[in-house]
Each structure stands twice: as structure tokens, then as C-alpha cells.
Amino acid sequence: MSLHTSPYIGRFAPSPTGALHFGSLVAAVGSYLDAGARCGRWLLRIEDVDAPRSVPGAADSIIATLARFGFEWDGDIVWQSRRTEAYQHALDRLVADGLAYPCACSRRELADAPLARDGSRRYPGTCRRGLPPGRHARAWRVRAEGVIRFDDVIQGPQRVELASDSGDYVVRRADGLFAYQLAVVVDDAEAGVTHVVRGADLLDSTARQIHLQRLLGAPTPIYAHLPLATNAAGEKLSKQTLARAVDAQAPIPALLAALHFLGQQPPDALSRATLAELWQWARAHWSIDTVPHCRQAVAHGFY
């Protein structure tokens, strides 16, 4: 685990693919309270780098719901869609250092490749030593080598062999958009993020992000991956699984449910409290040590 002497800086970074649902609320509550309990800063970033997946109006809806629930973020909201110059600069550095290379492979050509840890296809290295004759670059990949070890505050020690896990991974896609892995590393480094508290669905991405941090000379935050909220079928709450939006007009029941999900055991009296009183109790009693040490849990009543 990285050690930080600088002030705590955390963040919440939703993707605007739909309205705020319970799974995203859990991540917001966990990151917000971990920052607040340590008198730290809490930043808000809209991760709209994947423009085709962004739903018009979803970002504004998420921001309005967070405000209605009593979240207060520090500084201006960061929008990934406005930061392509920073991502290009990072890619240029990787290319100049011989750490990234052009790739001509299509998804169809990789359809039979072995599965990686996160369910994507592990790249077999087709273009690693240069583009095949007559082929043109579609994407840019980073050379994935070595073993990444880190201690997750909730999920415990992690060990990932990059070559066998993901293979060389994409940092700029065939459609010209920058990949999430690169964008999040550049954004966290520029903002000085020291602690990343987020859902366990992103645990498998962490090794690649640490790898990029090392290649770019960026510090590695402390990571804590919260249990992923799922429906009864074990599916992640999302737009694809038809997760319903939290009720922006009834924040206290949803916030209490999120606290219970995170193992915080709020007293029954808080159901009659004001929003300010609920947050005051939550900040004073937050303990990341009581968060369940599991990858996922069913969010009863919120799907």
C-alpha cells in the first residue's frame, strides 16, 4: 500500500450512462464519508470519455441528485470529455518512451483470444513488433509486463501478472476515443487524488492503472473497493440490468440503506432525522473497517 503524507483527496467519478442508481449511491456514500471522516477533500468528476455510452441529460441528473442528497464536493466538476489534450499528452509520452505501439487488430480478429481477468479478450501480441504488411493502425496499446501487487483496504492483498491477465491493453481506441484506463490515471494524478474508494467491479482494472501510473511517473493512490451492489440474479446494478433510479425526493431512506449495505449500522432514530443530522452521524461514525469484505452483495429493494 502506498503511504501518503499529503492531505487526503478522494473523488467520486460516475459515468453518465443513466440516472443515479443504488449501486452508484453506495460508491458515492463510501467515498464521501471516507474523505469527510479524515477532514479531506472530495472531488466530483464526470467520466464521459466514452461519448457513445453517455446519455444526454444523465450527467445533469446525477449532479442534481447528489446535491439533493446533501453531497458537497470541493472545487469545480471535472468533465473527461473536455480533457482530451491531457490524455493525448500522456499517450505521446508513452509512445516517445517506446511503451505504447499502434495496433491494427479488429475485435473480430481477437474474438477467439483467451479471456482476460475482467472478461475482455487477452491480447495475443499480434502487432507488438510492428504492424503487419499492408495494415494500418486502429488503436494504441501499452506493453503490459511484470507483476503488480497492491493491498486493497477492503479486498486485501492483490497480485496480477499483466501479460497473462490482460496482455497489452488499449489506451486509445479504434474510434479515436481515449480508453478509461488512461483517462482515469491522468485525471487522478492531476487532481492529486490520494485515496480511491469505489465499487469492486473496478478492482480488476486497478493493476493496469497502477502500471500506467508507474510508466507515467504518477503516484499510486490507496485503493479501497466496496462490495458491488447487485440484483437477486447477481448482476451488477446498471442501466443494462434495468436498475431503477434512486428517488431524489426521498434521500434519507436511500442513504440509510446505503449505510446498512456498507456495514455502518445507523440507528433507527435516523429515519426521523434531518438530512444534516444523518450526515453528521454518518461522518462521526464512519468506519471502513466494518465494510463487508466481499466482492458483491444483493441490494434488496433497490433494483
Protein backbone atom coordinates (compact mmCIF):
# COMPACT_ATOMS: atom_id res chain seq x y z
CA MET A 1 0.00 0.00 0.00
CA SER A 2 1.24 3.48 -0.83
CA LEU A 3 1.91 5.82 2.06
CA HIS A 4 0.77 9.43 1.78
CA THR A 5 1.80 12.39 3.94
CA SER A 6 -0.22 14.89 1.89
CA PRO A 7 -3.81 15.77 2.83
CA TYR A 8 -6.50 13.27 1.92
CA ILE A 9 -8.06 13.82 -1.51
CA GLY A 10 -10.82 11.48 -2.61
CA ARG A 11 -13.24 11.53 -5.51
CA PHE A 12 -16.46 10.18 -6.96
CA ALA A 13 -16.46 9.62 -10.70
CA PRO A 14 -19.77 8.43 -12.17
CA SER A 15 -20.28 7.63 -15.84
CA PRO A 16 -23.37 9.40 -17.27
CA THR A 17 -24.94 6.31 -18.80
CA GLY A 18 -28.20 6.82 -16.91
CA ALA A 19 -29.68 8.19 -13.71
CA LEU A 20 -28.03 7.64 -10.32
CA HIS A 21 -28.98 4.17 -9.05
CA PHE A 22 -28.37 2.49 -5.71
CA GLY A 23 -25.05 0.94 -6.76
CA SER A 24 -23.63 4.34 -7.67
CA LEU A 25 -25.07 5.83 -4.49
CA VAL A 26 -23.17 3.25 -2.42
CA ALA A 27 -19.90 4.28 -4.10
CA ALA A 28 -20.70 7.95 -3.58
CA VAL A 29 -21.52 7.46 0.11
CA GLY A 30 -18.42 5.35 0.79
CA SER A 31 -16.01 7.73 -0.92
CA TYR A 32 -17.69 10.82 0.56
CA LEU A 33 -17.63 9.55 4.14
CA ASP A 34 -14.07 8.24 3.94
CA ALA A 35 -12.95 11.71 2.85
CA GLY A 36 -15.16 13.53 5.34
CA ALA A 37 -14.11 11.39 8.30
CA ARG A 38 -10.47 12.32 7.59
CA CYS A 39 -11.20 16.02 7.03
CA GLY A 40 -10.21 15.51 3.41
CA ARG A 41 -11.34 16.94 0.10
CA TRP A 42 -13.93 15.16 -2.06
CA LEU A 43 -13.91 15.82 -5.78
CA LEU A 44 -16.57 15.13 -8.40
CA ARG A 45 -15.61 14.01 -11.90
CA ILE A 46 -17.99 13.08 -14.71
CA GLU A 47 -16.41 10.21 -16.63
CA ASP A 48 -17.92 10.90 -20.05
CA VAL A 49 -14.81 9.97 -22.04
CA ASP A 50 -16.83 7.17 -23.70
CA ALA A 51 -19.14 9.52 -25.60
CA PRO A 52 -21.23 6.82 -27.36
CA ARG A 53 -22.32 5.41 -23.97
CA SER A 54 -23.20 8.78 -22.44
CA VAL A 55 -26.92 9.50 -22.23
CA PRO A 56 -27.98 13.11 -22.90
CA GLY A 57 -29.07 14.76 -19.67
CA ALA A 58 -27.76 11.96 -17.45
CA ALA A 59 -24.81 13.94 -16.08
CA ASP A 60 -27.00 16.88 -15.08
CA SER A 61 -29.45 14.45 -13.47
CA ILE A 62 -26.68 12.77 -11.44
CA ILE A 63 -25.29 16.12 -10.28
CA ALA A 64 -28.75 17.35 -9.25
CA THR A 65 -29.47 14.12 -7.34
CA LEU A 66 -26.17 14.28 -5.48
CA ALA A 67 -26.95 17.86 -4.44
CA ARG A 68 -30.47 16.86 -3.37
CA PHE A 69 -28.97 14.09 -1.21
CA GLY A 70 -26.72 16.57 0.58
CA PHE A 71 -23.36 15.74 -1.03
CA GLU A 72 -20.96 18.68 -1.15
CA TRP A 73 -17.94 18.48 -3.43
CA ASP A 74 -14.81 20.59 -3.43
CA GLY A 75 -13.80 22.66 -6.43
CA ASP A 76 -15.21 22.58 -9.93
CA ILE A 77 -16.63 19.45 -11.51
CA VAL A 78 -14.18 17.84 -13.95
CA TRP A 79 -15.52 16.55 -17.29
CA GLN A 80 -13.40 13.96 -19.05
CA SER A 81 -14.83 14.94 -22.44
CA ARG A 82 -13.03 18.27 -22.08
CA ARG A 83 -9.61 16.79 -21.28
CA THR A 84 -8.55 15.08 -24.50
CA GLU A 85 -5.45 17.28 -24.75
CA ALA A 86 -4.17 15.98 -21.42
CA TYR A 87 -4.78 12.38 -22.47
CA GLN A 88 -3.03 12.92 -25.81
CA HIS A 89 -0.03 14.38 -23.99
CA ALA A 90 0.19 11.25 -21.82
CA LEU A 91 -0.09 8.98 -24.86
CA ASP A 92 2.64 10.96 -26.63
CA ARG A 93 4.94 10.36 -23.65
CA LEU A 94 4.25 6.63 -23.71
CA VAL A 95 4.93 6.45 -27.45
CA ALA A 96 8.12 8.52 -27.18
CA ASP A 97 9.39 6.18 -24.45
CA GLY A 98 8.65 3.09 -26.54
CA LEU A 99 5.97 1.94 -24.11
CA ALA A 100 2.97 2.15 -26.47
CA TYR A 101 2.55 1.00 -30.06
CA PRO A 102 -0.05 1.07 -32.86
CA CYS A 103 -2.33 -1.94 -33.33
CA ALA A 104 -4.23 -2.95 -36.48
CA CYS A 105 -6.32 -5.75 -34.92
CA SER A 106 -10.10 -5.63 -35.04
CA ARG A 107 -12.50 -7.10 -32.47
CA ARG A 108 -13.42 -9.82 -34.92
CA GLU A 109 -9.77 -10.85 -35.24
CA LEU A 110 -9.50 -11.09 -31.45
CA ALA A 111 -12.78 -12.94 -30.94
CA ASP A 112 -11.01 -16.26 -30.30
CA ALA A 113 -8.35 -14.87 -27.96
CA PRO A 114 -8.40 -16.19 -24.35
CA LEU A 115 -10.48 -14.31 -21.82
CA ALA A 116 -8.74 -11.85 -19.52
CA ARG A 117 -9.48 -11.45 -15.83
CA ASP A 118 -12.17 -8.81 -16.42
CA GLY A 119 -13.95 -10.78 -19.12
CA SER A 120 -12.40 -8.97 -22.08
CA ARG A 121 -10.15 -10.69 -24.62
CA ARG A 122 -6.47 -11.03 -23.71
CA TYR A 123 -4.36 -9.53 -26.47
CA PRO A 124 -2.06 -12.13 -28.10
CA GLY A 125 0.60 -9.58 -29.14
CA THR A 126 -0.05 -9.63 -32.89
CA CYS A 127 1.24 -6.08 -33.53
CA ARG A 128 3.75 -5.90 -30.70
CA ARG A 129 6.76 -5.97 -33.02
CA GLY A 130 5.23 -3.80 -35.71
CA LEU A 131 2.16 -3.57 -37.92
CA PRO A 132 1.67 -6.46 -40.36
CA PRO A 133 2.38 -5.55 -44.00
CA GLY A 134 -0.43 -3.58 -45.59
CA ARG A 135 -2.21 -2.93 -42.28
CA HIS A 136 -2.90 0.45 -40.72
CA ALA A 137 -3.12 1.47 -37.08
CA ARG A 138 -6.57 1.29 -35.49
CA ALA A 139 -5.77 1.60 -31.80
CA TRP A 140 -2.81 2.21 -29.49
CA ARG A 141 -1.73 -0.32 -26.87
CA VAL A 142 0.61 -0.24 -23.90
CA ARG A 143 3.17 -3.01 -23.41
CA ALA A 144 1.95 -4.92 -20.35
CA GLU A 145 4.81 -6.56 -18.50
CA GLY A 146 5.60 -7.58 -14.96
CA VAL A 147 3.63 -8.33 -11.81
CA ILE A 148 1.54 -5.74 -9.99
CA ARG A 149 0.99 -6.17 -6.26
CA PHE A 150 -1.11 -3.90 -4.07
CA ASP A 151 -3.03 -4.09 -0.82
CA ASP A 152 -6.67 -3.13 -1.14
CA VAL A 153 -8.05 -1.72 2.12
CA ILE A 154 -11.22 -3.84 1.83
CA GLN A 155 -10.45 -6.68 -0.58
CA GLY A 156 -6.97 -7.44 0.78
CA PRO A 157 -3.67 -8.27 -1.00
CA GLN A 158 -3.83 -8.45 -4.80
CA ARG A 159 -1.36 -9.92 -7.27
CA VAL A 160 -1.78 -9.59 -11.04
CA GLU A 161 0.51 -10.83 -13.82
CA LEU A 162 -0.19 -8.29 -16.55
CA ALA A 163 0.92 -10.37 -19.52
CA SER A 164 -1.29 -13.35 -18.63
CA ASP A 165 -4.12 -11.24 -17.24
CA SER A 166 -4.87 -8.71 -19.98
CA GLY A 167 -1.93 -8.68 -22.33
CA ASP A 168 -1.06 -5.37 -23.95
CA TYR A 169 -4.09 -3.16 -23.29
CA VAL A 170 -5.70 -0.35 -25.28
CA VAL A 171 -5.16 3.28 -24.28
CA ARG A 172 -6.63 4.84 -27.41
CA ARG A 173 -9.45 3.07 -29.20
CA ALA A 174 -10.05 2.48 -32.89
CA ASP A 175 -12.77 5.17 -32.85
CA GLY A 176 -10.23 7.72 -31.66
CA LEU A 177 -11.53 7.94 -28.09
CA PHE A 178 -9.16 7.51 -25.17
CA ALA A 179 -9.63 4.44 -23.02
CA TYR A 180 -10.88 4.64 -19.45
CA GLN A 181 -7.61 3.26 -18.06
CA LEU A 182 -5.54 6.15 -19.39
CA ALA A 183 -8.10 8.87 -18.65
CA VAL A 184 -8.59 7.90 -15.01
CA VAL A 185 -4.85 7.73 -14.33
CA VAL A 186 -4.20 11.15 -15.88
CA ASP A 187 -7.17 12.70 -14.05
CA ASP A 188 -6.31 11.25 -10.63
CA ALA A 189 -2.68 12.32 -10.94
CA GLU A 190 -3.54 15.88 -11.97
CA ALA A 191 -6.07 16.23 -9.14
CA GLY A 192 -3.63 14.84 -6.56
CA VAL A 193 -6.01 12.03 -5.56
CA THR A 194 -4.56 10.10 -2.63
CA HIS A 195 -7.41 7.64 -1.95
CA VAL A 196 -9.73 5.87 -4.38
CA VAL A 197 -12.88 4.39 -2.81
CA ARG A 198 -15.08 2.79 -5.47
CA GLY A 199 -17.03 -0.34 -6.41
CA ALA A 200 -15.39 -3.75 -6.64
CA ASP A 201 -16.37 -4.01 -10.31
CA LEU A 202 -13.29 -1.86 -10.95
CA LEU A 203 -10.91 -3.99 -8.87
CA ASP A 204 -9.70 -5.87 -11.95
CA SER A 205 -8.81 -2.57 -13.65
CA THR A 206 -6.59 -1.43 -10.82
CA ALA A 207 -3.43 -3.32 -11.81
CA ARG A 208 -3.44 -1.71 -15.26
CA GLN A 209 -3.95 1.71 -13.70
CA ILE A 210 -1.04 1.17 -11.30
CA HIS A 211 1.05 0.01 -14.27
CA LEU A 212 0.23 3.23 -16.14
CA GLN A 213 0.95 5.32 -13.06
CA ARG A 214 4.43 3.84 -12.88
CA LEU A 215 5.08 4.34 -16.59
CA LEU A 216 3.99 7.98 -16.38
CA GLY A 217 5.76 8.70 -13.08
CA ALA A 218 2.47 9.35 -11.26
CA PRO A 219 1.84 8.47 -7.59
CA THR A 220 -0.30 5.47 -6.72
CA PRO A 221 -3.32 6.20 -4.51
CA ILE A 222 -4.52 3.94 -1.72
CA TYR A 223 -7.36 1.79 -3.06
CA ALA A 224 -10.48 0.52 -1.29
CA HIS A 225 -13.03 -1.40 -3.35
CA LEU A 226 -16.51 -1.51 -1.86
CA PRO A 227 -18.84 -4.51 -2.34
CA LEU A 228 -20.68 -4.27 -5.63
CA ALA A 229 -24.46 -3.85 -5.34
CA THR A 230 -26.27 -6.50 -7.39
CA ASN A 231 -29.79 -7.70 -8.08
CA ALA A 232 -31.08 -11.09 -6.93
CA ALA A 233 -29.53 -12.74 -10.02
CA GLY A 234 -26.07 -11.48 -9.02
CA GLU A 235 -25.98 -8.91 -11.82
CA LYS A 236 -24.40 -5.51 -11.24
CA LEU A 237 -26.98 -2.75 -10.85
CA SER A 238 -26.71 -0.77 -14.07
CA LYS A 239 -28.65 0.62 -16.99
CA GLN A 240 -28.20 -2.73 -18.75
CA THR A 241 -29.81 -4.64 -15.87
CA LEU A 242 -32.63 -2.07 -15.65
CA ALA A 243 -31.62 -0.75 -12.24
CA ARG A 244 -34.08 1.92 -11.21
CA ALA A 245 -33.02 5.41 -10.26
CA VAL A 246 -32.92 6.41 -6.61
CA ASP A 247 -35.80 8.67 -5.59
CA ALA A 248 -34.35 12.18 -5.47
CA GLN A 249 -37.34 13.28 -3.39
CA ALA A 250 -36.68 10.72 -0.64
CA PRO A 251 -32.96 10.81 0.11
CA ILE A 252 -32.99 9.61 3.73
CA PRO A 253 -34.33 6.06 3.12
CA ALA A 254 -31.84 5.51 0.31
CA LEU A 255 -28.93 6.91 2.31
CA LEU A 256 -29.82 4.73 5.31
CA ALA A 257 -29.97 1.69 3.02
CA ALA A 258 -26.53 2.57 1.63
CA LEU A 259 -25.13 2.89 5.15
CA HIS A 260 -26.54 -0.53 6.10
CA PHE A 261 -25.13 -2.01 2.88
CA LEU A 262 -21.72 -0.63 3.88
CA GLY A 263 -21.91 -2.18 7.35
CA GLN A 264 -22.29 1.10 9.26
CA GLN A 265 -25.41 0.15 11.34
CA PRO A 266 -27.18 3.53 11.59
CA PRO A 267 -29.68 3.74 14.48
CA ASP A 268 -33.41 3.55 13.71
CA ALA A 269 -33.85 7.10 15.02
CA LEU A 270 -32.08 8.44 11.93
CA SER A 271 -35.14 7.60 9.84
CA ARG A 272 -36.77 10.61 11.53
CA ALA A 273 -33.69 12.83 11.34
CA THR A 274 -32.99 15.72 9.04
CA LEU A 275 -30.56 15.27 6.16
CA ALA A 276 -27.96 17.34 8.02
CA GLU A 277 -28.33 15.20 11.16
CA LEU A 278 -27.96 11.99 9.13
CA TRP A 279 -24.73 13.18 7.51
CA GLN A 280 -23.40 14.41 10.85
CA TRP A 281 -23.93 10.96 12.37
CA ALA A 282 -22.51 9.20 9.33
CA ARG A 283 -19.29 11.23 9.28
CA ALA A 284 -18.77 10.83 13.01
CA HIS A 285 -19.29 7.05 12.94
CA TRP A 286 -17.78 6.08 9.59
CA SER A 287 -15.52 3.05 9.77
CA ILE A 288 -14.11 1.49 6.63
CA ASP A 289 -13.09 -1.50 8.76
CA THR A 290 -16.74 -2.55 9.12
CA VAL A 291 -17.43 -2.56 5.38
CA PRO A 292 -18.08 -6.20 4.34
CA HIS A 293 -15.01 -7.84 2.82
CA CYS A 294 -16.83 -9.29 -0.18
CA ARG A 295 -16.82 -8.54 -3.89
CA GLN A 296 -20.61 -8.19 -4.20
CA ALA A 297 -23.88 -8.26 -2.27
CA VAL A 298 -27.55 -8.11 -3.14
CA ALA A 299 -29.14 -4.66 -2.81
CA HIS A 300 -32.55 -5.80 -1.58
CA GLY A 301 -35.37 -3.46 -2.60
CA PHE A 302 -33.26 -1.30 -4.92
CA TYR A 303 -33.49 -3.00 -8.32
